[in-house]
Protein backbone atom coordinates (compact mmCIF):
# COMPACT_ATOMS: atom_id res chain seq x y z
CA MET A 1 -0.04 -0.06 -0.03
CA ARG A 2 2.91 2.48 0.96
CA PRO A 3 4.86 2.00 -2.30
CA ALA A 4 1.44 2.51 -4.28
CA LEU A 5 0.60 5.69 -2.55
CA ALA A 6 4.10 6.96 -2.98
CA ALA A 7 3.89 6.18 -6.76
CA LEU A 8 0.73 8.14 -7.00
CA GLY A 9 2.50 11.24 -5.63
CA TYR A 10 1.43 11.33 -1.90
CA THR A 11 3.72 12.64 0.63
CA PRO A 12 5.07 10.43 3.56
CA GLU A 13 2.87 12.42 5.88
CA GLN A 14 -0.26 12.07 3.68
CA ALA A 15 0.64 8.18 3.33
CA ALA A 16 0.92 7.87 7.04
CA ASP A 17 -2.71 9.49 7.62
CA ILE A 18 -4.14 7.29 5.01
CA MET A 19 -2.54 4.18 6.49
CA ARG A 20 -3.72 5.12 9.92
CA TRP A 21 -7.37 5.47 8.47
CA ILE A 22 -7.23 1.95 6.95
CA LEU A 23 -5.26 0.13 9.78
CA GLY A 24 -5.93 2.14 12.89
CA THR A 25 -3.51 3.11 15.55
CA LEU A 26 -2.84 -0.46 16.67
CA ASP A 27 -2.68 0.76 20.11
CA LEU A 28 -4.82 0.84 23.33
CA ASP A 29 -3.91 4.39 24.12
CA VAL A 30 -6.88 5.96 22.45
CA ALA A 31 -9.50 8.22 23.95
CA MET A 32 -12.72 6.59 25.28
CA PRO A 33 -15.79 7.02 23.12
CA GLY A 34 -18.59 9.16 24.53
CA GLY A 35 -16.35 11.89 25.84
CA ASP A 36 -15.20 9.75 28.92
CA GLU A 37 -11.98 10.89 30.51
CA GLY A 38 -8.89 8.65 30.38
CA THR A 39 -7.61 6.19 27.61
CA PHE A 40 -9.07 2.83 26.67
CA GLY A 41 -5.97 1.06 28.18
CA GLU A 42 -6.54 2.95 31.52
CA TRP A 43 -10.11 1.84 31.45
CA LEU A 44 -9.03 -1.84 31.09
CA LEU A 45 -6.64 -1.54 34.10
CA ASP A 46 -9.51 -0.20 36.00
CA LYS A 47 -11.76 -3.09 35.35
CA GLY A 48 -8.98 -5.72 36.53
CA LEU A 49 -6.48 -6.25 33.86
CA ASN A 50 -2.74 -5.70 34.39
CA ALA A 51 0.04 -4.57 32.34
CA GLY A 52 1.05 -8.07 31.17
CA ASP A 53 -2.50 -8.40 29.92
CA LEU A 54 -2.57 -5.23 27.96
CA ALA A 55 0.87 -5.98 26.48
CA SER A 56 -0.38 -9.38 25.12
CA ILE A 57 -3.44 -7.80 23.82
CA LYS A 58 -1.45 -5.06 21.95
CA ASP A 59 0.90 -7.60 20.33
CA ALA A 60 -2.15 -9.50 18.91
CA LEU A 61 -3.68 -6.28 17.44
CA PRO A 62 -1.79 -6.37 14.05
CA GLY A 63 -3.05 -9.74 13.37
CA VAL A 64 -6.69 -9.10 13.87
CA PHE A 65 -9.40 -7.30 11.60
CA GLU A 66 -11.71 -6.73 14.41
CA LEU A 67 -11.09 -5.58 18.09
CA GLY A 68 -13.29 -8.43 19.54
CA PHE A 69 -10.81 -10.99 18.25
CA ALA A 70 -8.06 -9.51 20.57
CA PHE A 71 -10.37 -9.87 23.53
CA SER A 72 -11.55 -13.56 22.93
CA ALA A 73 -11.23 -16.11 25.80
CA TRP A 74 -8.48 -17.81 23.91
CA ALA A 75 -6.51 -14.67 23.34
CA LEU A 76 -6.62 -13.61 27.04
CA GLY A 77 -5.82 -16.83 28.84
CA ASP A 78 -7.25 -18.51 31.97
CA GLU A 79 -5.54 -16.22 34.48
CA ALA A 80 -6.73 -12.93 33.03
CA LEU A 81 -10.31 -14.21 32.95
CA GLY A 82 -9.96 -15.47 36.38
CA ARG A 83 -8.99 -11.99 37.70
CA LEU A 84 -12.07 -10.64 36.00
CA GLY A 85 -14.33 -13.18 37.72
CA ILE A 86 -15.09 -14.97 34.48
CA ASP A 87 -15.39 -18.89 34.23
CA SER A 88 -12.71 -19.57 31.54
CA GLU A 89 -14.27 -23.11 30.50
CA LYS A 90 -17.72 -21.49 30.07
CA ALA A 91 -16.19 -18.56 28.06
CA LYS A 92 -14.18 -20.89 25.77
CA SER A 93 -17.28 -23.05 25.05
CA ASP A 94 -19.28 -19.83 23.80
CA PRO A 95 -18.18 -18.85 20.40
CA ARG A 96 -20.00 -15.61 20.75
CA PHE A 97 -18.13 -14.54 24.00
CA ASN A 98 -17.05 -10.92 23.86
CA LEU A 99 -15.11 -9.49 26.79
CA LEU A 100 -15.66 -5.91 25.87
CA ARG A 101 -19.59 -6.49 26.03
CA HIS A 102 -19.05 -8.36 29.31
CA LEU A 103 -17.39 -5.50 30.75
CA GLY A 104 -20.26 -3.08 29.89
CA LEU A 105 -19.48 -1.44 26.47
CA SER A 106 -22.19 -1.08 23.92
CA ALA A 107 -22.25 -1.93 20.51
CA GLU A 108 -21.70 1.62 19.29
CA GLN A 109 -18.71 2.09 21.71
CA ILE A 110 -17.13 -1.12 20.52
CA GLY A 111 -17.62 0.00 16.74
CA GLU A 112 -15.98 3.31 17.52
CA LEU A 113 -13.16 1.71 19.40
CA ASN A 114 -12.71 -0.74 16.67
CA GLU A 115 -12.28 1.99 13.95
CA ARG A 116 -9.84 3.87 16.07
CA ILE A 117 -7.54 0.94 16.87
CA CYS A 118 -8.20 -1.66 14.02
CA GLY A 119 -9.08 1.00 11.48
CA THR A 120 -11.88 1.13 8.79
CA GLN A 121 -10.41 -1.44 6.58
CA THR A 122 -11.04 0.59 3.49
CA ILE A 123 -9.30 3.60 1.72
CA GLU A 124 -12.59 5.25 0.95
CA GLY A 125 -13.04 8.59 2.90
CA ALA A 126 -9.42 8.76 3.94
CA ALA A 127 -7.94 12.20 4.28
CA HIS A 128 -5.88 13.59 1.29
CA PHE A 129 -6.97 10.81 -0.89
CA ARG A 130 -8.11 11.80 -4.37
CA ASP A 131 -11.34 10.21 -5.81
CA GLU A 132 -9.52 9.55 -9.14
CA HIS A 133 -7.31 7.04 -7.57
CA LEU A 134 -10.22 4.96 -6.02
CA ALA A 135 -10.15 2.42 -8.90
CA VAL A 136 -6.42 1.53 -8.24
CA PHE A 137 -7.39 0.00 -4.93
CA ASP A 138 -10.72 -1.64 -5.57
CA CYS A 139 -11.03 -5.24 -4.41
CA ALA A 140 -13.27 -8.24 -5.12
CA SER A 141 -15.75 -7.24 -2.38
CA THR A 142 -16.56 -4.25 -0.44
CA CYS A 143 -13.91 -3.59 2.40
CA GLY A 144 -15.18 -2.81 5.97
CA ASN A 145 -18.46 -1.41 7.08
CA ARG A 146 -17.85 2.02 5.20
CA GLY A 147 -16.69 0.45 1.87
CA THR A 148 -19.01 0.66 -1.09
CA ARG A 149 -16.62 0.06 -4.16
CA LEU A 150 -15.69 -3.30 -5.60
CA ILE A 151 -14.43 -4.68 -8.93
CA SER A 152 -17.36 -5.37 -11.31
CA GLY A 153 -18.06 -8.61 -12.90
CA GLU A 154 -17.10 -7.13 -16.17
CA GLY A 155 -13.84 -6.12 -14.70
CA HIS A 156 -12.98 -9.71 -13.73
CA ILE A 157 -14.10 -11.11 -17.16
CA ARG A 158 -12.05 -8.59 -19.11
CA MET A 159 -8.89 -9.36 -17.00
CA MET A 160 -9.33 -13.08 -17.92
CA GLY A 161 -10.13 -12.25 -21.48
CA ALA A 162 -6.96 -10.35 -21.82
CA ALA A 163 -4.86 -13.51 -20.49
CA GLN A 164 -6.82 -16.30 -22.20
CA PRO A 165 -5.01 -16.12 -25.57
CA PHE A 166 -1.64 -16.88 -23.86
CA ILE A 167 -3.05 -19.85 -21.80
CA SER A 168 -3.79 -23.18 -23.25
CA GLY A 169 -6.38 -24.33 -20.65
CA ALA A 170 -8.94 -22.53 -18.62
CA ILE A 171 -8.29 -19.83 -15.93
CA SER A 172 -9.19 -20.90 -12.38
CA LYS A 173 -10.65 -17.57 -11.15
CA THR A 174 -13.70 -16.55 -9.35
CA ILE A 175 -15.91 -13.75 -10.74
CA ASN A 176 -17.27 -12.19 -7.63
CA LEU A 177 -20.73 -10.61 -7.60
CA PRO A 178 -22.46 -8.53 -4.95
CA ASN A 179 -25.32 -9.99 -3.08
CA ASP A 180 -27.84 -7.74 -5.02
CA ALA A 181 -26.75 -9.18 -8.43
CA SER A 182 -29.72 -9.93 -10.60
CA MET A 183 -30.27 -12.72 -13.04
CA GLU A 184 -29.83 -10.33 -15.98
CA SER A 185 -26.25 -9.22 -14.71
CA ILE A 186 -25.47 -12.93 -14.31
CA GLY A 187 -26.57 -13.69 -17.75
CA GLU A 188 -24.54 -10.66 -19.16
CA CYS A 189 -21.40 -12.01 -17.47
CA TYR A 190 -21.85 -15.42 -19.21
CA ARG A 191 -22.41 -13.85 -22.52
CA LEU A 192 -19.44 -11.58 -22.17
CA SER A 193 -17.37 -14.52 -21.26
CA TRP A 194 -18.44 -16.20 -24.41
CA GLU A 195 -17.75 -13.16 -26.64
CA LEU A 196 -14.29 -12.91 -25.16
CA GLY A 197 -13.53 -16.81 -25.66
CA LEU A 198 -13.05 -17.75 -22.15
CA LYS A 199 -12.83 -21.45 -21.45
CA ALA A 200 -14.23 -21.23 -17.91
CA ASN A 201 -16.67 -18.93 -15.92
CA ALA A 202 -16.99 -19.52 -12.19
CA LEU A 203 -19.48 -16.95 -10.84
CA TYR A 204 -20.10 -16.50 -7.02
CA ARG A 205 -22.76 -14.12 -5.55
CA ASP A 206 -21.91 -12.93 -2.11
CA GLY A 207 -24.13 -14.93 0.51
CA CYS A 208 -25.60 -17.46 -1.87
CA LYS A 209 -24.54 -20.39 0.29
CA LEU A 210 -25.69 -21.29 3.69
CA SER A 211 -22.13 -21.25 5.02
CA GLN A 212 -19.69 -18.67 3.58
CA PRO A 213 -16.08 -18.98 4.53
CA LEU A 214 -15.05 -15.45 4.00
CA SER A 215 -16.93 -12.42 5.06
CA THR A 216 -15.66 -8.79 5.13
CA LYS A 217 -18.08 -7.72 8.00
CA ALA A 218 -18.28 -8.80 11.53
CA SER A 219 -21.36 -10.96 12.23
CA ASP A 220 -22.03 -9.66 15.78
CA ALA A 221 -22.09 -5.87 14.83
CA GLY A 222 -25.15 -4.14 16.33
CA GLU A 223 -26.34 -7.13 18.57
CA ASP A 224 -28.01 -4.80 21.11
CA GLU A 225 -29.88 -2.77 18.22
CA PRO A 226 -33.71 -3.25 18.04
CA GLU A 227 -34.81 -6.02 15.87
CA GLU A 228 -36.45 -3.87 13.30
CA SER A 229 -33.15 -1.75 12.90
CA LYS A 230 -31.18 -4.67 12.17
CA THR A 231 -30.06 -5.45 8.45
CA PRO A 232 -28.47 -8.80 8.33
CA GLU A 233 -25.34 -9.20 6.16
CA PRO A 234 -25.54 -11.40 3.02
CA ALA A 235 -23.89 -14.30 4.62
CA ASP A 236 -26.51 -14.15 7.64
CA ARG A 237 -29.37 -13.71 5.35
CA ALA A 238 -28.76 -16.78 3.45
CA PRO A 239 -30.15 -19.32 5.88
CA ALA A 240 -33.35 -17.29 6.33
CA GLN A 241 -33.78 -17.17 2.44
CA ALA A 242 -33.26 -20.83 2.18
CA ALA A 243 -35.68 -21.43 4.91
CA ASP A 244 -38.32 -19.41 2.94
CA VAL A 245 -37.73 -21.37 -0.25
CA ALA A 246 -38.05 -24.48 1.81
CA GLY A 247 -41.44 -23.66 2.98
CA GLY A 248 -41.22 -20.69 5.34
CA ALA A 249 -41.13 -21.45 9.07
CA LYS A 250 -41.65 -25.19 8.73
CA PRO A 251 -38.99 -27.34 10.60
CA ARG A 252 -36.44 -29.08 8.67
CA HIS A 253 -36.48 -32.80 9.30
CA GLN A 254 -33.28 -34.65 9.11
CA ALA A 255 -32.81 -38.48 9.13
CA VAL A 256 -31.26 -39.94 12.30
CA ARG A 257 -29.23 -43.04 12.07
CA ARG A 258 -30.35 -45.77 14.58
CA ARG A 259 -27.47 -47.77 15.34
CA LEU A 260 -27.53 -51.49 16.68
CA SER A 261 -26.15 -52.15 20.10
CA ASP A 262 -22.71 -53.66 20.40
CA THR A 263 -24.21 -56.97 21.47
CA ARG A 264 -27.14 -58.09 19.57
CA ARG A 265 -28.78 -61.14 18.28
CA SER A 266 -28.62 -62.38 14.63
CA LEU A 267 -30.06 -64.81 12.23
CA THR A 268 -28.00 -66.82 9.72
CA HIS A 269 -29.36 -68.44 6.59
CA LYS A 270 -27.32 -70.53 4.01
CA PHE A 271 -28.50 -70.30 0.48
CA ASN A 272 -27.60 -71.96 -2.80
CA VAL A 273 -28.67 -70.32 -6.27
CA ALA A 274 -27.88 -72.29 -9.17
CA GLY A 275 -24.61 -73.57 -7.47
CA HIS A 276 -23.70 -70.17 -5.99
CA GLU A 277 -23.39 -70.78 -2.28
CA GLY A 278 -23.46 -67.99 0.47
CA TYR A 279 -24.65 -67.08 3.83
CA LEU A 280 -27.03 -64.25 4.99
CA THR A 281 -26.56 -62.82 8.38
CA VAL A 282 -29.10 -60.47 9.66
CA GLY A 283 -28.34 -58.42 12.77
CA LEU A 284 -31.54 -57.62 14.77
CA PHE A 285 -32.57 -54.45 16.85
CA ASP A 286 -33.81 -55.01 20.40
CA ASP A 287 -37.35 -55.14 19.03
CA GLY A 288 -36.61 -58.04 16.73
CA LYS A 289 -36.65 -55.99 13.48
CA PRO A 290 -33.63 -56.26 11.07
CA GLY A 291 -31.03 -53.74 11.23
CA GLU A 292 -28.01 -54.90 9.25
CA LEU A 293 -27.35 -57.58 6.47
CA PHE A 294 -24.14 -59.32 5.68
CA ILE A 295 -23.76 -61.34 2.62
CA THR A 296 -21.03 -63.81 2.42
CA MET A 297 -20.26 -65.74 -0.78
CA ALA A 298 -18.66 -69.12 -0.57
CA LYS A 299 -15.88 -68.22 -3.20
CA GLU A 300 -13.97 -65.20 -1.87
CA GLY A 301 -12.35 -62.71 -4.11
CA SER A 302 -15.02 -63.03 -6.91
CA THR A 303 -16.60 -60.18 -8.40
CA ILE A 304 -19.97 -61.11 -7.37
CA GLY A 305 -18.82 -61.45 -3.67
CA GLY A 306 -17.66 -57.91 -3.88
CA LEU A 307 -21.12 -56.71 -5.30
CA MET A 308 -22.86 -58.57 -2.68
CA ASP A 309 -20.78 -56.95 0.22
CA SER A 310 -21.75 -53.52 -1.34
CA LEU A 311 -25.23 -54.54 -1.55
CA GLY A 312 -25.22 -55.66 2.12
CA THR A 313 -23.61 -52.38 3.25
CA SER A 314 -26.17 -50.21 1.34
CA THR A 315 -29.06 -52.27 2.87
CA SER A 316 -27.58 -52.06 6.22
CA VAL A 317 -27.43 -48.30 6.04
CA SER A 318 -31.07 -47.85 4.66
CA LEU A 319 -32.45 -49.99 7.43
CA GLN A 320 -30.54 -47.96 10.11
CA TYR A 321 -31.87 -44.64 8.58
CA GLY A 322 -35.48 -45.76 8.73
CA VAL A 323 -36.15 -47.07 5.34
CA PRO A 324 -39.07 -49.70 5.41
CA LEU A 325 -38.12 -53.17 4.75
CA GLU A 326 -41.25 -53.32 2.66
CA SER A 327 -39.93 -50.95 0.33
CA LEU A 328 -36.59 -52.48 -0.15
CA VAL A 329 -38.29 -55.80 -0.87
CA ARG A 330 -40.64 -54.19 -3.15
CA LYS A 331 -37.80 -52.46 -5.28
CA PHE A 332 -35.30 -55.45 -5.23
CA THR A 333 -37.45 -58.58 -5.80
CA HIS A 334 -37.90 -60.11 -9.11
CA GLN A 335 -34.81 -58.52 -10.62
CA ARG A 336 -33.53 -60.87 -13.39
CA PHE A 337 -29.99 -61.44 -14.10
CA GLU A 338 -27.30 -64.15 -13.93
CA PRO A 339 -26.75 -66.23 -11.83
CA ALA A 340 -30.14 -67.49 -11.60
CA GLY A 341 -31.81 -70.69 -11.28
CA MET A 342 -33.13 -73.29 -8.95
CA THR A 343 -32.36 -73.22 -5.22
CA ALA A 344 -32.42 -75.60 -2.21
CA ASN A 345 -35.19 -73.57 -0.44
CA PRO A 346 -38.57 -75.23 -0.88
CA GLU A 347 -40.20 -71.79 -0.28
CA ILE A 348 -38.24 -70.07 -2.91
CA PRO A 349 -37.66 -72.98 -5.47
CA PHE A 350 -36.55 -70.77 -8.35
CA ALA A 351 -34.70 -67.35 -8.11
CA LYS A 352 -34.33 -64.97 -11.00
CA SER A 353 -31.01 -63.59 -9.41
CA LEU A 354 -29.25 -63.51 -6.23
CA VAL A 355 -30.70 -60.06 -5.30
CA ASP A 356 -34.16 -61.65 -5.99
CA TYR A 357 -33.55 -64.54 -3.62
CA ILE A 358 -31.99 -62.26 -0.83
CA PHE A 359 -34.86 -59.89 -0.56
CA ARG A 360 -37.61 -62.60 -1.07
CA TRP A 361 -36.07 -64.44 1.83
CA LEU A 362 -35.96 -61.26 3.91
CA GLY A 363 -39.60 -60.52 3.21
CA MET A 364 -40.63 -64.00 4.19
CA GLU A 365 -38.81 -63.90 7.48
CA PHE A 366 -39.61 -60.34 8.62
CA ILE A 367 -42.76 -58.91 6.83
CA PRO A 368 -46.03 -60.35 8.12
CA GLY A 369 -48.08 -62.12 5.40
CA PHE A 370 -45.28 -62.14 2.81
CA ARG A 371 -44.66 -65.72 3.07
CA GLU A 372 -48.20 -66.71 2.75
CA ALA A 373 -48.54 -64.53 -0.34
CA ASN A 374 -45.37 -65.71 -2.06
CA ALA A 375 -44.45 -69.13 -0.95
CA PRO A 376 -45.61 -72.18 -3.27
CA GLN A 377 -48.95 -73.52 -2.13
CA ARG A 378 -48.16 -77.12 -1.40
CA PRO A 379 -50.12 -79.87 0.42
CA SER A 380 -49.37 -79.78 4.14
CA GLU A 381 -48.96 -82.72 6.50
CA SER A 382 -52.20 -82.33 8.23
CA THR A 383 -54.68 -80.83 5.85
CA GLY A 384 -53.38 -81.80 2.36
CA ASP A 385 -53.63 -79.84 -1.04
CA SER A 386 -57.21 -78.36 -1.43
CA LYS A 387 -56.75 -78.32 -5.09
CA SER A 388 -56.42 -82.09 -5.22
CA ASP A 389 -59.81 -82.62 -3.70
CA THR A 390 -61.43 -81.33 -6.82
CA SER A 391 -59.49 -84.12 -9.05
CA VAL A 392 -60.59 -86.96 -6.69
CA LYS A 393 -63.81 -88.54 -7.92
CA ALA A 394 -64.43 -90.65 -4.84
CA PRO A 395 -66.51 -89.08 -2.01
CA ALA A 396 -64.56 -87.11 0.52
CA PRO A 397 -65.17 -89.18 3.58
CA ARG A 398 -64.04 -92.41 1.87
CA MET A 399 -60.85 -90.73 0.89
CA ALA A 400 -60.39 -89.34 4.42
CA THR A 401 -60.59 -92.90 5.88
CA GLU A 402 -58.14 -94.34 3.33
CA ALA A 403 -55.49 -91.43 3.78
CA PRO A 404 -52.43 -92.36 6.06
CA ALA A 405 -52.01 -90.40 9.26
CA THR A 406 -48.60 -89.08 8.08
CA GLY A 407 -50.10 -87.20 4.93
CA ARG A 408 -52.93 -87.34 2.48
CA TYR A 409 -51.35 -89.64 0.12
CA GLY A 410 -48.68 -91.30 2.38
CA ALA A 411 -45.89 -88.77 2.24
CA SER A 412 -45.32 -84.99 1.58
CA ARG A 413 -44.58 -83.72 -1.90
CA TRP A 414 -40.88 -83.24 -1.15
CA SER A 415 -40.25 -86.64 0.65
CA THR A 416 -37.91 -88.85 -1.11
CA SER A 417 -38.54 -92.56 -2.13
CA ARG A 418 -36.38 -93.58 0.89
CA ASP A 419 -38.88 -91.91 3.25
CA ILE A 420 -41.68 -93.42 1.40
CA ASN A 421 -40.71 -96.80 1.85
CA ALA A 422 -39.66 -96.32 5.48
CA SER A 423 -43.02 -95.04 6.40
CA GLY A 424 -45.34 -97.33 4.51
CA GLY A 425 -43.42 -99.91 2.58
CA ASP A 426 -44.24 -100.04 -1.03
CA THR A 427 -46.95 -97.64 -1.62
CA ARG A 428 -47.81 -98.92 -5.03
CA ALA A 429 -48.56 -102.50 -3.58
CA THR A 430 -50.76 -100.97 -0.82
CA THR A 431 -52.69 -99.38 -3.71
CA HIS A 432 -53.19 -102.68 -5.46
CA GLU A 433 -54.37 -104.21 -2.12
CA GLY A 434 -57.06 -101.35 -1.75
CA ALA A 435 -58.42 -101.95 -5.37
CA GLY A 436 -60.60 -104.79 -4.27
CA GLU A 437 -63.09 -102.70 -2.47
CA THR A 438 -63.89 -100.34 -5.05
CA GLY A 439 -62.03 -99.60 -8.54
CA ALA A 440 -62.96 -96.04 -8.68
CA SER A 441 -61.29 -95.17 -5.20
CA ALA A 442 -58.15 -96.79 -6.12
CA ALA A 443 -57.26 -94.94 -9.11
CA PRO A 444 -56.59 -91.56 -7.70
CA PRO A 445 -53.95 -92.64 -5.11
CA ARG A 446 -52.02 -94.65 -7.69
CA ASP A 447 -51.76 -91.40 -9.81
CA THR A 448 -50.79 -89.31 -6.76
CA VAL A 449 -48.06 -91.89 -5.77
CA ILE A 450 -46.52 -91.51 -9.06
CA VAL A 451 -46.51 -87.74 -9.01
CA SER A 452 -44.92 -87.77 -5.65
CA GLN A 453 -42.14 -90.11 -6.70
CA SER A 454 -41.44 -88.11 -9.83
CA VAL A 455 -41.06 -84.99 -7.72
CA SER A 456 -38.84 -86.60 -5.31
CA ALA A 457 -36.72 -87.98 -8.12
CA GLN A 458 -36.49 -84.42 -9.63
CA TYR A 459 -35.57 -82.95 -6.33
CA SER A 460 -32.70 -85.73 -5.68
CA THR A 461 -31.47 -84.96 -9.18
CA LEU A 462 -31.10 -81.40 -8.30
CA SER A 463 -29.28 -82.09 -5.13
CA VAL A 464 -26.80 -84.29 -6.94
CA ALA A 465 -26.27 -81.67 -9.64
CA LEU A 466 -25.67 -78.89 -7.16
CA GLU A 467 -23.46 -81.08 -5.05
CA SER A 468 -21.44 -81.97 -8.23
CA ALA A 469 -20.58 -78.43 -8.92
CA GLY A 470 -18.13 -78.10 -6.02
CA ASP A 471 -15.51 -75.69 -7.14
CA ALA A 472 -16.57 -75.76 -10.71
CA PRO A 473 -15.77 -72.60 -12.79
CA PRO A 474 -18.47 -70.48 -14.38
CA CYS A 475 -19.28 -70.90 -17.94
CA ASP A 476 -17.46 -68.62 -20.43
CA VAL A 477 -20.55 -68.23 -22.44
CA CYS A 478 -23.35 -67.42 -20.20
CA GLY A 479 -21.69 -67.26 -16.55
CA THR A 480 -23.63 -70.02 -15.17
CA ILE A 481 -21.65 -72.31 -12.66
CA THR A 482 -20.90 -75.63 -14.61
CA VAL A 483 -21.10 -79.11 -13.45
CA ARG A 484 -18.38 -81.84 -13.70
CA SER A 485 -18.75 -84.20 -16.75
CA GLY A 486 -16.01 -86.79 -16.67
CA THR A 487 -12.69 -84.80 -16.41
CA CYS A 488 -14.21 -81.71 -17.74
CA TYR A 489 -17.20 -79.40 -16.97
CA LYS A 490 -20.40 -78.68 -18.90
CA CYS A 491 -23.06 -75.91 -18.60
CA LEU A 492 -26.51 -77.00 -17.87
CA ASN A 493 -27.81 -73.69 -18.92
CA CYS A 494 -26.59 -73.13 -22.56
CA GLY A 495 -24.92 -76.47 -23.27
CA ALA A 496 -21.41 -75.29 -23.58
CA SER A 497 -18.57 -77.60 -22.71
CA MET A 498 -15.37 -76.59 -21.08
CA GLY A 499 -12.93 -78.51 -23.16
CA CYS A 500 -14.52 -81.72 -23.80
CA SER A 501 -17.10 -82.86 -26.44
C-alpha cells in the first residue's frame, strides 16, 4: 500500500494518515468514546486487567481485523479471565463470548473503538486521498463497514479475456458478484465470457451459500440494536432465505441413524442359487426388527462377492436410517440377471437372481403375510392340498378314511423315495390291495403316488447336480456355474462344454 501511495504522488505524511485510516493506531492508548476521560488502556486497568494482559493484547492487534478477536477467551488466557471473575471453561465454550461487551461497553462504543484501533479496513473516505485513484485500490468485495466500491463482474471477465489467448487451458478464477446481483447481470457475465473466448466461468454471488467461509463484515455488529433496525449481512441472510424457499417456518427434518447395540442377536441363513453358495446374516434390533445385512459368498475374491458386500452395506445403512423393509423388498425382488436358477429352499424354488432370492427371503422372514402370499402352495402334513380334492372323484369321507396319518397320500410332496418306503413300505403295492373294495377309489391314489415319486426324483437330481458343482468354474459363454462331466465341465444352462465334447 505505501509504495503504491508513493507512486501516486502522496507525501510520507499523507501516506501515514491514509494508512492510519485503513489500519488504525494498533494501540490501546486511544480516547474512550462518548467523551469519557482517560484512555481505553486505563479503563481496562480499572476493570481488573494488568500491564501484562494489555501487552499481550497489543501484540495481537496487528493480526486481527476486529477488536473483539483480540479480547476473545482464547487470546486472554485463563489467569486474566479469572481476575475478572469469568469462568474460563464457560467462556471458551461460547463462540460468541465478547469480553468488551461483558465489561459493559455498548455496540456503538465497541464499533467506535474498533475503527480507532483496528481501522476502517477501506481507503474510501481517507484524508488527502483523491477520488480519481479509488479504482486503483478496488477489491473483489466491499471492504469494511464503510466500503461501497468493488471490482465489477465485467472487470473480472475482461482481465481473464486479456490473459486467455496466452493460456492453453481454462483460468481458475472466481468472478465475484455482490449480493444484490440480478439474474440479468449474471446472464450478461456469461455472454461476455463467451464473446471474449473464455474457457471457464466461475460466478459467485456474495451470500449465496448457507455457510460462507469469507465475509468482510463482523457478524455480531449491532447485537443490542432493536430487531426492526437490524439489517443482516448477506452471509447471515442466506439461511433465512433458504428457509423461505423450503417452505417458510416449517421445521427441517433430518434423518437420524439408529445404530444397533454392540451385542445383538442375529439370524444366519445358508442359500444356494444355481450352485452359488453363500450365507445371509441379519443383525436384529432389540425389538426384533432387521437392522443390518451381511452377505458372504462361498468363493472369496470373486466379483459377485464384492457386489454382494456392497449390497449388504447399502441395505444396512438404509435400514438404520429408517427405510421400511417393505420398500426395499418391493424394489429389489424379481430382478432378473445371472446367476439365476433353482435353489435348495422349498419356499423359493427358483430365483431370478441372487438379489431376488435375498430380498424374497428377507420378506418371508420379517414381513407379516409375505410368506403366505409368495410361497408355493403345497399340501401340508395335516390338511393336504385343497386343489387335489377337486380331482378326486370318490367321496371325501371315503378318501379321508383311506388316507394315512402321515399325509394325504402317504408322504409329503418333497419326501424322497427312501422316506416313502420307510413310512409305509411299497405304496404301489398298498394301492393294489385296496383296489378290491372299489375300482374308482383306487385310481387317484395310484396317480398321486406316481407324482410324488417323480417330484422326489427331480429333487434328488437337483441335489446331486448342485453337489457335483463343487468348485466348478463359471461358464465362459453365459456365466452359469458348470457341473463336472468326466474330467471336464459342462453348462446345464446353455450346453457349452469346457474343453470336452
